[in-house]
Amino acid sequence: MKKTFLSIVVLLILSGNMANAKAKPIQLNANGNLLTDMKSPIVLNNTSFVPIRVVESLGDYKVGWNSKSKTITVICDGDSLQLTVGNNVALKNHKKISLSTLPVMKDGMAYVPLRFISENLMLL
């Protein structure tokens, strides 16, 4: 499952460069299956962002959302990652780590930097 997540990150990074050049929407491909039933990923400042529910749809990841605090929690294999929209500090198993790209809200939906999620949950 973690290899799938890394594959998607690589595809999004490559797709992001092509999407900027051709102005086509980015598409997610997980193990050869095109994920079409969700909002498109976005690229901001050369970083790929996905709606947080995309992470949950990839399999072993459980996602929580607190609309009052705008906090996102992602749990995988007992490890947790907590991000807050607009905040440059995340919690990885309750330890503070810095984010270079912050989670954002767009059209009422929380978007997270996919690379940050994948790197931090894969390396736990």
N, C-alpha and C. Protein backbone atom coordinates (compact mmCIF):
# COMPACT_ATOMS: atom_id res chain seq x y z
N MET A 1 0.82 -1.19 0.00
CA MET A 1 0.00 0.00 0.00
C MET A 1 0.87 1.26 0.00
N LYS A 2 1.94 1.23 0.75
CA LYS A 2 2.80 2.41 0.80
C LYS A 2 3.50 2.64 -0.53
N LYS A 3 3.80 1.55 -1.26
CA LYS A 3 4.38 1.69 -2.59
C LYS A 3 3.38 2.35 -3.53
N THR A 4 2.11 2.02 -3.38
CA THR A 4 1.06 2.63 -4.19
C THR A 4 1.04 4.13 -3.95
N PHE A 5 1.12 4.52 -2.69
CA PHE A 5 1.08 5.93 -2.33
C PHE A 5 2.27 6.66 -2.95
N LEU A 6 3.46 6.07 -2.88
CA LEU A 6 4.65 6.68 -3.45
C LEU A 6 4.52 6.78 -4.96
N SER A 7 3.96 5.77 -5.60
CA SER A 7 3.74 5.80 -7.05
C SER A 7 2.85 6.96 -7.44
N ILE A 8 1.82 7.18 -6.65
CA ILE A 8 0.90 8.27 -6.94
C ILE A 8 1.60 9.61 -6.78
N VAL A 9 2.45 9.75 -5.78
CA VAL A 9 3.18 10.99 -5.58
C VAL A 9 4.05 11.28 -6.80
N VAL A 10 4.78 10.29 -7.26
CA VAL A 10 5.64 10.47 -8.43
C VAL A 10 4.82 10.85 -9.65
N LEU A 11 3.71 10.16 -9.87
CA LEU A 11 2.85 10.48 -11.01
C LEU A 11 2.29 11.89 -10.91
N LEU A 12 1.92 12.33 -9.72
CA LEU A 12 1.39 13.67 -9.56
C LEU A 12 2.45 14.73 -9.82
N ILE A 13 3.65 14.48 -9.37
CA ILE A 13 4.73 15.43 -9.61
C ILE A 13 4.98 15.57 -11.10
N LEU A 14 5.06 14.45 -11.77
CA LEU A 14 5.27 14.48 -13.22
C LEU A 14 4.07 15.07 -13.94
N SER A 15 2.88 14.72 -13.50
CA SER A 15 1.67 15.25 -14.12
C SER A 15 1.53 16.73 -13.87
N GLY A 16 1.98 17.19 -12.71
CA GLY A 16 1.89 18.60 -12.39
C GLY A 16 2.63 19.46 -13.38
N ASN A 17 3.83 19.04 -13.76
CA ASN A 17 4.59 19.79 -14.75
C ASN A 17 3.89 19.79 -16.10
N MET A 18 3.35 18.65 -16.49
CA MET A 18 2.65 18.57 -17.76
C MET A 18 1.34 19.34 -17.70
N ALA A 19 0.67 19.32 -16.55
CA ALA A 19 -0.61 20.02 -16.43
C ALA A 19 -0.42 21.52 -16.56
N ASN A 20 0.68 22.04 -16.01
CA ASN A 20 0.94 23.46 -16.14
C ASN A 20 1.16 23.84 -17.60
N ALA A 21 1.86 23.01 -18.33
CA ALA A 21 2.17 23.30 -19.72
C ALA A 21 0.94 23.19 -20.61
N LYS A 22 0.07 22.23 -20.36
CA LYS A 22 -1.08 21.97 -21.23
C LYS A 22 -2.39 22.46 -20.63
N ALA A 23 -2.40 22.89 -19.37
CA ALA A 23 -3.59 23.36 -18.68
C ALA A 23 -4.70 22.29 -18.64
N LYS A 24 -4.34 21.04 -18.53
CA LYS A 24 -5.30 19.95 -18.38
C LYS A 24 -5.40 19.59 -16.91
N PRO A 25 -6.55 19.07 -16.48
CA PRO A 25 -6.65 18.67 -15.08
C PRO A 25 -5.74 17.48 -14.79
N ILE A 26 -5.25 17.43 -13.57
CA ILE A 26 -4.40 16.33 -13.13
C ILE A 26 -5.29 15.14 -12.82
N GLN A 27 -4.80 13.95 -13.14
CA GLN A 27 -5.55 12.73 -12.84
C GLN A 27 -4.71 11.84 -11.94
N LEU A 28 -5.38 11.13 -11.04
CA LEU A 28 -4.71 10.18 -10.17
C LEU A 28 -4.81 8.78 -10.74
N ASN A 29 -3.69 8.08 -10.69
CA ASN A 29 -3.64 6.70 -11.17
C ASN A 29 -3.03 5.87 -10.04
N ALA A 30 -3.83 4.97 -9.46
CA ALA A 30 -3.35 4.11 -8.38
C ALA A 30 -3.32 2.68 -8.88
N ASN A 31 -2.11 2.16 -9.03
CA ASN A 31 -1.92 0.78 -9.52
C ASN A 31 -2.69 0.50 -10.81
N GLY A 32 -2.65 1.44 -11.72
CA GLY A 32 -3.28 1.26 -13.03
C GLY A 32 -4.76 1.60 -13.06
N ASN A 33 -5.34 1.97 -11.93
CA ASN A 33 -6.76 2.34 -11.88
C ASN A 33 -6.87 3.86 -11.79
N LEU A 34 -7.54 4.45 -12.77
CA LEU A 34 -7.74 5.89 -12.77
C LEU A 34 -8.83 6.24 -11.77
N LEU A 35 -8.49 7.11 -10.83
CA LEU A 35 -9.45 7.53 -9.80
C LEU A 35 -10.20 8.74 -10.33
N THR A 36 -11.42 8.52 -10.82
CA THR A 36 -12.15 9.58 -11.51
C THR A 36 -13.33 10.13 -10.71
N ASP A 37 -13.71 9.48 -9.64
CA ASP A 37 -14.91 9.88 -8.92
C ASP A 37 -14.63 10.88 -7.79
N MET A 38 -13.61 11.68 -7.94
CA MET A 38 -13.28 12.64 -6.89
C MET A 38 -12.79 13.94 -7.49
N LYS A 39 -12.70 14.95 -6.66
CA LYS A 39 -12.19 16.24 -7.11
C LYS A 39 -10.77 16.09 -7.60
N SER A 40 -10.41 16.89 -8.58
CA SER A 40 -9.07 16.83 -9.15
C SER A 40 -8.03 17.37 -8.18
N PRO A 41 -6.84 16.79 -8.21
CA PRO A 41 -5.73 17.37 -7.47
C PRO A 41 -5.42 18.76 -8.05
N ILE A 42 -4.74 19.57 -7.27
CA ILE A 42 -4.33 20.89 -7.74
C ILE A 42 -2.83 21.05 -7.53
N VAL A 43 -2.24 21.97 -8.25
CA VAL A 43 -0.82 22.29 -8.09
C VAL A 43 -0.73 23.75 -7.70
N LEU A 44 -0.11 24.02 -6.56
CA LEU A 44 0.13 25.37 -6.07
C LEU A 44 1.61 25.51 -5.76
N ASN A 45 2.25 26.50 -6.34
CA ASN A 45 3.68 26.72 -6.11
C ASN A 45 4.50 25.45 -6.32
N ASN A 46 4.23 24.75 -7.41
CA ASN A 46 4.94 23.53 -7.79
C ASN A 46 4.77 22.38 -6.80
N THR A 47 3.71 22.39 -6.02
CA THR A 47 3.42 21.31 -5.08
C THR A 47 2.04 20.74 -5.40
N SER A 48 1.96 19.40 -5.45
CA SER A 48 0.68 18.73 -5.72
C SER A 48 -0.11 18.59 -4.43
N PHE A 49 -1.36 19.01 -4.49
CA PHE A 49 -2.29 18.90 -3.36
C PHE A 49 -3.46 18.03 -3.79
N VAL A 50 -3.94 17.21 -2.88
CA VAL A 50 -5.12 16.39 -3.15
C VAL A 50 -6.15 16.63 -2.05
N PRO A 51 -7.42 16.46 -2.41
CA PRO A 51 -8.44 16.51 -1.36
C PRO A 51 -8.14 15.40 -0.34
N ILE A 52 -8.34 15.67 0.91
CA ILE A 52 -7.94 14.72 1.94
C ILE A 52 -8.65 13.38 1.80
N ARG A 53 -9.84 13.36 1.26
CA ARG A 53 -10.56 12.10 1.09
C ARG A 53 -9.89 11.19 0.06
N VAL A 54 -9.06 11.75 -0.82
CA VAL A 54 -8.31 10.94 -1.78
C VAL A 54 -7.38 10.00 -1.03
N VAL A 55 -6.74 10.52 0.02
CA VAL A 55 -5.81 9.71 0.81
C VAL A 55 -6.55 8.52 1.40
N GLU A 56 -7.73 8.75 1.91
CA GLU A 56 -8.52 7.68 2.52
C GLU A 56 -8.92 6.62 1.49
N SER A 57 -9.14 7.04 0.27
CA SER A 57 -9.58 6.09 -0.76
C SER A 57 -8.47 5.17 -1.24
N LEU A 58 -7.24 5.42 -0.83
CA LEU A 58 -6.12 4.60 -1.28
C LEU A 58 -5.95 3.30 -0.50
N GLY A 59 -6.71 3.11 0.55
CA GLY A 59 -6.64 1.83 1.23
C GLY A 59 -6.50 1.89 2.72
N ASP A 60 -5.30 1.66 3.24
CA ASP A 60 -5.07 1.49 4.68
C ASP A 60 -5.03 2.80 5.47
N TYR A 61 -5.36 3.90 4.85
CA TYR A 61 -5.29 5.20 5.52
C TYR A 61 -6.67 5.58 6.04
N LYS A 62 -6.74 5.98 7.31
CA LYS A 62 -7.98 6.47 7.89
C LYS A 62 -7.81 7.97 8.07
N VAL A 63 -8.83 8.71 7.68
CA VAL A 63 -8.75 10.16 7.70
C VAL A 63 -9.84 10.73 8.59
N GLY A 64 -9.47 11.69 9.41
CA GLY A 64 -10.43 12.40 10.24
C GLY A 64 -10.37 13.89 9.95
N TRP A 65 -11.50 14.57 10.08
CA TRP A 65 -11.57 16.01 9.81
C TRP A 65 -12.35 16.68 10.92
N ASN A 66 -11.76 17.71 11.54
CA ASN A 66 -12.42 18.52 12.54
C ASN A 66 -12.70 19.87 11.91
N SER A 67 -13.95 20.13 11.55
CA SER A 67 -14.28 21.36 10.83
C SER A 67 -14.12 22.61 11.70
N LYS A 68 -14.28 22.46 13.00
CA LYS A 68 -14.14 23.62 13.88
C LYS A 68 -12.70 24.12 13.93
N SER A 69 -11.75 23.21 14.10
CA SER A 69 -10.33 23.60 14.18
C SER A 69 -9.62 23.48 12.84
N LYS A 70 -10.32 22.95 11.82
CA LYS A 70 -9.76 22.71 10.48
C LYS A 70 -8.52 21.81 10.57
N THR A 71 -8.66 20.77 11.38
CA THR A 71 -7.56 19.83 11.61
C THR A 71 -7.83 18.52 10.90
N ILE A 72 -6.81 18.02 10.23
CA ILE A 72 -6.86 16.77 9.48
C ILE A 72 -6.00 15.75 10.22
N THR A 73 -6.52 14.55 10.43
CA THR A 73 -5.75 13.48 11.04
C THR A 73 -5.72 12.31 10.07
N VAL A 74 -4.52 11.81 9.79
CA VAL A 74 -4.36 10.65 8.93
C VAL A 74 -3.68 9.56 9.76
N ILE A 75 -4.28 8.37 9.79
CA ILE A 75 -3.74 7.26 10.57
C ILE A 75 -3.48 6.09 9.63
N CYS A 76 -2.30 5.50 9.78
CA CYS A 76 -1.94 4.33 8.97
C CYS A 76 -1.08 3.41 9.83
N ASP A 77 -1.47 2.17 9.94
CA ASP A 77 -0.72 1.17 10.70
C ASP A 77 -0.41 1.64 12.12
N GLY A 78 -1.34 2.34 12.75
CA GLY A 78 -1.16 2.80 14.12
C GLY A 78 -0.37 4.09 14.26
N ASP A 79 0.18 4.59 13.17
CA ASP A 79 0.91 5.86 13.20
C ASP A 79 -0.02 6.99 12.79
N SER A 80 0.23 8.19 13.31
CA SER A 80 -0.67 9.30 12.99
C SER A 80 0.09 10.53 12.52
N LEU A 81 -0.62 11.29 11.72
CA LEU A 81 -0.11 12.55 11.20
C LEU A 81 -1.26 13.54 11.31
N GLN A 82 -1.01 14.68 11.96
CA GLN A 82 -2.06 15.67 12.15
C GLN A 82 -1.63 16.99 11.55
N LEU A 83 -2.47 17.55 10.66
CA LEU A 83 -2.18 18.81 10.00
C LEU A 83 -3.35 19.76 10.21
N THR A 84 -3.08 21.04 10.24
CA THR A 84 -4.12 22.04 10.38
C THR A 84 -4.02 23.00 9.21
N VAL A 85 -5.16 23.28 8.58
CA VAL A 85 -5.19 24.19 7.45
C VAL A 85 -4.59 25.53 7.86
N GLY A 86 -3.64 26.02 7.08
CA GLY A 86 -3.00 27.31 7.33
C GLY A 86 -1.90 27.30 8.38
N ASN A 87 -1.58 26.14 8.95
CA ASN A 87 -0.57 26.05 10.00
C ASN A 87 0.66 25.32 9.46
N ASN A 88 1.85 25.87 9.71
CA ASN A 88 3.08 25.27 9.18
C ASN A 88 3.71 24.24 10.13
N VAL A 89 2.98 23.84 11.16
CA VAL A 89 3.47 22.81 12.08
C VAL A 89 2.48 21.64 12.05
N ALA A 90 3.01 20.46 11.85
CA ALA A 90 2.21 19.24 11.88
C ALA A 90 2.66 18.40 13.06
N LEU A 91 1.85 17.44 13.43
CA LEU A 91 2.22 16.50 14.50
C LEU A 91 2.34 15.11 13.89
N LYS A 92 3.50 14.52 14.05
CA LYS A 92 3.76 13.16 13.58
C LYS A 92 3.95 12.31 14.82
N ASN A 93 2.96 11.46 15.12
CA ASN A 93 2.97 10.70 16.37
C ASN A 93 3.21 11.62 17.56
N HIS A 94 2.51 12.76 17.57
CA HIS A 94 2.52 13.76 18.64
C HIS A 94 3.82 14.55 18.74
N LYS A 95 4.72 14.43 17.76
CA LYS A 95 5.94 15.24 17.73
C LYS A 95 5.81 16.29 16.64
N LYS A 96 6.22 17.53 16.95
CA LYS A 96 6.10 18.63 16.01
C LYS A 96 7.11 18.50 14.86
N ILE A 97 6.60 18.74 13.65
CA ILE A 97 7.46 18.83 12.47
C ILE A 97 6.96 19.98 11.60
N SER A 98 7.90 20.60 10.88
CA SER A 98 7.56 21.75 10.05
C SER A 98 7.11 21.33 8.66
N LEU A 99 6.19 22.10 8.13
CA LEU A 99 5.72 21.90 6.76
C LEU A 99 6.23 23.07 5.92
N SER A 100 6.72 22.77 4.72
CA SER A 100 7.10 23.85 3.82
C SER A 100 5.91 24.31 2.99
N THR A 101 4.91 23.44 2.84
CA THR A 101 3.67 23.78 2.14
C THR A 101 2.50 23.43 3.05
N LEU A 102 1.64 24.37 3.26
CA LEU A 102 0.55 24.22 4.22
C LEU A 102 -0.69 23.63 3.57
N PRO A 103 -1.48 22.87 4.32
CA PRO A 103 -2.78 22.44 3.81
C PRO A 103 -3.63 23.68 3.52
N VAL A 104 -4.49 23.57 2.51
CA VAL A 104 -5.31 24.72 2.11
C VAL A 104 -6.76 24.29 1.97
N MET A 105 -7.65 25.28 1.98
CA MET A 105 -9.07 25.07 1.70
C MET A 105 -9.35 25.65 0.32
N LYS A 106 -10.08 24.88 -0.48
CA LYS A 106 -10.50 25.37 -1.80
C LYS A 106 -11.90 24.83 -2.06
N ASP A 107 -12.82 25.72 -2.37
CA ASP A 107 -14.20 25.34 -2.63
C ASP A 107 -14.79 24.50 -1.50
N GLY A 108 -14.46 24.85 -0.26
CA GLY A 108 -15.01 24.16 0.90
C GLY A 108 -14.40 22.80 1.19
N MET A 109 -13.29 22.49 0.53
CA MET A 109 -12.66 21.18 0.71
C MET A 109 -11.21 21.37 1.15
N ALA A 110 -10.76 20.52 2.07
CA ALA A 110 -9.37 20.57 2.54
C ALA A 110 -8.47 19.82 1.56
N TYR A 111 -7.38 20.47 1.16
CA TYR A 111 -6.37 19.87 0.29
C TYR A 111 -5.07 19.78 1.07
N VAL A 112 -4.37 18.65 0.91
CA VAL A 112 -3.11 18.44 1.62
C VAL A 112 -1.99 18.21 0.61
N PRO A 113 -0.75 18.59 1.01
CA PRO A 113 0.40 18.32 0.14
C PRO A 113 0.68 16.81 0.15
N LEU A 114 0.45 16.17 -0.97
CA LEU A 114 0.54 14.71 -1.04
C LEU A 114 1.92 14.19 -0.71
N ARG A 115 2.94 14.86 -1.15
CA ARG A 115 4.30 14.40 -0.88
C ARG A 115 4.58 14.37 0.62
N PHE A 116 4.16 15.40 1.33
CA PHE A 116 4.38 15.46 2.78
C PHE A 116 3.70 14.28 3.48
N ILE A 117 2.47 14.01 3.10
CA ILE A 117 1.74 12.89 3.70
C ILE A 117 2.47 11.57 3.43
N SER A 118 2.81 11.35 2.17
CA SER A 118 3.43 10.07 1.81
C SER A 118 4.79 9.88 2.46
N GLU A 119 5.61 10.92 2.45
CA GLU A 119 6.94 10.80 3.05
C GLU A 119 6.86 10.54 4.56
N ASN A 120 5.94 11.19 5.21
CA ASN A 120 5.87 11.07 6.67
C ASN A 120 5.18 9.80 7.14
N LEU A 121 4.28 9.27 6.38
CA LEU A 121 3.66 8.02 6.78
C LEU A 121 4.46 6.82 6.31
N MET A 122 5.22 6.96 5.26
CA MET A 122 6.04 5.84 4.77
C MET A 122 7.28 5.65 5.61
N LEU A 123 7.78 6.73 6.18
CA LEU A 123 9.04 6.66 6.91
C LEU A 123 8.88 6.39 8.39
N LEU A 124 7.63 6.24 8.84
CA LEU A 124 7.42 6.02 10.27
C LEU A 124 7.90 4.64 10.68
